[in-house]
Amino acid sequence: MARARGRIPAARRSRPVAVCTLASEDLADELGEPAGVAIIGRAFTENLGAEKVAVNVVANPAIRTLVLCGTESQHAVGQTLRALHSDGLDGDGRVVGSEGPVPILKNFPTAAQEIFSEKLTVVDLIGEADPAVILRAISDAVASGEETWPETWIPPAAVRSSVGRSADGPPG
């Protein structure tokens, strides 16, 4: 089935899980369209890629779980997203604790960072490429039944215009 890469079809906006397959190009296709998943895609860089994942997750109040799986890139996207979740950004927009070469999120304001850290459960399956293991984690996340986040964050215009386009591959 054709997938709208990096876009959330209206019928899936109320689903609670986002999946980032990191640098694994075929893993999203291997997973198919699991029940409960709002968006699934890959990200290659610790700046634009991680930022687009974070923006998509925060902008959808229904998403309460982010599953990180697949092969980590040399840019440490998965590790950067974990660090963003646990440690946030410093005053210059750098992800605290990221091992990526340039983990700077230029268009991710403090309000979005707080929502990302508070509302989200991050499931760390970095390095895992077995669809059965990943699908089980997705199923567990859906079964947790977390309520939709009460706040709606609307990305600034500069961020909205860049979502859906990426210098490092399909959006997050």
Protein backbone atom coordinates (compact mmCIF):
# COMPACT_ATOMS: atom_id res chain seq x y z
CA MET A 1 0.00 0.00 0.00
CA ALA A 2 1.34 3.44 -0.89
CA ARG A 3 2.34 5.50 2.10
CA ALA A 4 2.16 9.28 2.41
CA ARG A 5 5.75 9.70 3.51
CA GLY A 6 6.00 11.83 6.61
CA ARG A 7 2.40 12.99 6.45
CA ILE A 8 -0.36 11.85 8.77
CA PRO A 9 -3.55 10.92 6.91
CA ALA A 10 -6.65 12.32 8.65
CA ALA A 11 -7.89 8.83 9.50
CA ARG A 12 -4.72 8.14 11.51
CA ARG A 13 -4.35 11.43 13.42
CA SER A 14 -6.03 10.05 16.54
CA ARG A 15 -3.64 7.11 16.86
CA PRO A 16 -1.23 7.17 19.83
CA VAL A 17 2.07 5.86 18.41
CA ALA A 18 4.78 7.32 16.17
CA VAL A 19 7.58 5.09 14.86
CA CYS A 20 10.98 6.32 13.70
CA THR A 21 12.94 3.64 11.87
CA LEU A 22 16.07 5.82 12.04
CA ALA A 23 18.36 5.04 9.05
CA SER A 24 16.65 1.76 8.11
CA GLU A 25 15.20 2.51 4.69
CA ASP A 26 13.03 -0.61 4.23
CA LEU A 27 11.90 -1.20 7.79
CA ALA A 28 8.82 1.03 7.56
CA ASP A 29 7.59 -0.98 4.58
CA GLU A 30 8.30 -4.24 6.42
CA LEU A 31 6.21 -3.05 9.37
CA GLY A 32 3.28 -2.15 7.13
CA GLU A 33 0.57 -0.02 8.71
CA PRO A 34 0.20 -1.34 12.25
CA ALA A 35 -2.93 -0.58 14.24
CA GLY A 36 -2.44 2.42 16.48
CA VAL A 37 0.39 4.02 14.48
CA ALA A 38 -0.23 7.61 13.39
CA ILE A 39 3.04 8.07 11.51
CA ILE A 40 6.02 5.94 10.59
CA GLY A 41 9.19 7.02 8.85
CA ARG A 42 12.93 7.40 9.05
CA ALA A 43 15.34 10.16 10.01
CA PHE A 44 19.03 10.46 9.20
CA THR A 45 20.39 13.55 10.96
CA GLU A 46 20.59 14.75 14.54
CA ASN A 47 19.45 18.25 13.60
CA LEU A 48 16.85 18.51 10.80
CA GLY A 49 15.82 14.86 11.04
CA ALA A 50 15.44 14.86 14.83
CA GLU A 51 13.70 18.23 14.73
CA LYS A 52 11.11 17.04 12.22
CA VAL A 53 10.37 13.92 14.24
CA ALA A 54 9.97 16.04 17.40
CA VAL A 55 7.78 18.64 15.68
CA ASN A 56 5.46 15.99 14.22
CA VAL A 57 5.13 14.22 17.56
CA VAL A 58 4.49 17.38 19.58
CA ALA A 59 2.04 18.86 17.06
CA ASN A 60 -0.23 15.81 17.37
CA PRO A 61 -1.69 15.58 20.88
CA ALA A 62 -2.87 12.00 20.26
CA ILE A 63 0.71 10.70 19.94
CA ARG A 64 1.89 9.56 23.37
CA THR A 65 4.58 7.02 22.41
CA LEU A 66 7.60 7.29 20.12
CA VAL A 67 9.18 3.99 19.12
CA LEU A 68 12.81 4.33 18.02
CA CYS A 69 13.97 1.30 16.06
CA GLY A 70 16.18 0.20 13.20
CA THR A 71 19.76 1.06 12.44
CA GLU A 72 21.23 4.16 14.03
CA SER A 73 22.95 6.53 11.59
CA GLN A 74 26.41 8.01 12.11
CA HIS A 75 24.55 11.14 13.21
CA ALA A 76 23.06 9.42 16.29
CA VAL A 77 19.46 10.48 15.59
CA GLY A 78 17.92 7.96 17.98
CA GLN A 79 20.33 8.81 20.78
CA THR A 80 19.67 12.52 20.13
CA LEU A 81 15.90 12.02 20.42
CA ARG A 82 16.40 10.10 23.68
CA ALA A 83 18.61 12.93 24.99
CA LEU A 84 16.07 15.55 23.90
CA HIS A 85 13.40 13.66 25.80
CA SER A 86 15.43 13.24 28.98
CA ASP A 87 17.71 16.31 29.03
CA GLY A 88 16.21 18.90 26.68
CA LEU A 89 17.99 21.77 24.94
CA ASP A 90 20.53 24.25 26.21
CA GLY A 91 20.22 28.00 25.60
CA ASP A 92 21.73 27.68 22.12
CA GLY A 93 19.28 24.99 20.96
CA ARG A 94 21.81 22.17 21.35
CA VAL A 95 20.42 18.85 22.57
CA VAL A 96 22.01 18.25 25.97
CA GLY A 97 23.83 14.92 26.06
CA SER A 98 23.58 14.20 22.33
CA GLU A 99 26.48 12.32 20.78
CA GLY A 100 25.63 13.62 17.29
CA PRO A 101 28.07 15.96 15.55
CA VAL A 102 25.72 18.99 15.34
CA PRO A 103 22.61 18.34 17.48
CA ILE A 104 21.11 21.81 17.16
CA LEU A 105 17.33 22.23 16.80
CA LYS A 106 16.85 25.76 15.51
CA ASN A 107 13.06 25.70 15.30
CA PHE A 108 12.02 23.81 18.41
CA PRO A 109 10.91 26.28 21.08
CA THR A 110 10.88 25.73 24.82
CA ALA A 111 7.11 25.11 24.91
CA ALA A 112 7.46 22.28 22.39
CA GLN A 113 10.45 20.84 24.24
CA GLU A 114 8.47 20.72 27.47
CA ILE A 115 5.55 18.92 25.82
CA PHE A 116 7.94 16.46 24.13
CA SER A 117 9.51 15.59 27.48
CA GLU A 118 6.30 15.48 29.51
CA LYS A 119 3.76 13.80 27.24
CA LEU A 120 5.88 11.19 25.56
CA THR A 121 7.03 7.72 26.39
CA VAL A 122 10.08 6.81 24.30
CA VAL A 123 10.49 3.11 23.54
CA ASP A 124 14.17 2.49 22.83
CA LEU A 125 14.56 -0.32 20.31
CA ILE A 126 17.55 1.29 18.59
CA GLY A 127 19.35 -1.41 16.64
CA GLU A 128 16.27 -3.66 16.52
CA ALA A 129 15.12 -4.57 12.99
CA ASP A 130 12.93 -7.60 13.71
CA PRO A 131 9.39 -6.56 12.73
CA ALA A 132 7.86 -9.00 15.25
CA VAL A 133 9.70 -7.36 18.17
CA ILE A 134 8.82 -3.85 17.00
CA LEU A 135 5.17 -4.72 16.34
CA ARG A 136 4.92 -6.20 19.85
CA ALA A 137 6.25 -2.94 21.32
CA ILE A 138 3.73 -0.96 19.24
CA SER A 139 0.92 -3.21 20.42
CA ASP A 140 1.99 -2.75 24.05
CA ALA A 141 2.05 1.03 23.61
CA VAL A 142 -1.43 1.05 22.11
CA ALA A 143 -2.71 -1.20 24.91
CA SER A 144 -1.44 1.25 27.56
CA GLY A 145 -4.42 3.42 26.62
CA GLU A 146 -2.90 6.79 27.43
CA GLU A 147 -5.29 9.69 26.94
CA THR A 148 -4.74 12.37 24.31
CA TRP A 149 -2.45 15.12 25.61
CA PRO A 150 -4.62 18.05 26.78
CA GLU A 151 -2.54 20.76 25.07
CA THR A 152 -2.32 21.46 21.36
CA TRP A 153 0.94 22.97 20.16
CA ILE A 154 0.92 24.63 16.76
CA PRO A 155 4.35 24.89 15.15
CA PRO A 156 5.54 28.35 14.13
CA ALA A 157 5.11 29.13 10.42
CA ALA A 158 8.80 28.52 9.68
CA VAL A 159 8.56 25.00 11.07
CA ARG A 160 5.22 24.23 9.38
CA SER A 161 6.60 25.21 5.99
CA SER A 162 9.59 22.87 6.36
CA VAL A 163 7.64 19.83 7.58
CA GLY A 164 7.27 17.48 4.66
CA ARG A 165 10.52 18.56 3.03
CA SER A 166 13.94 17.56 4.18
CA ALA A 167 17.52 17.97 3.14
CA ASP A 168 18.31 14.60 4.66
CA GLY A 169 15.57 12.41 3.25
CA PRO A 170 11.90 11.93 3.93
CA PRO A 171 10.51 13.74 6.93
CA GLY A 172 10.77 12.36 10.29
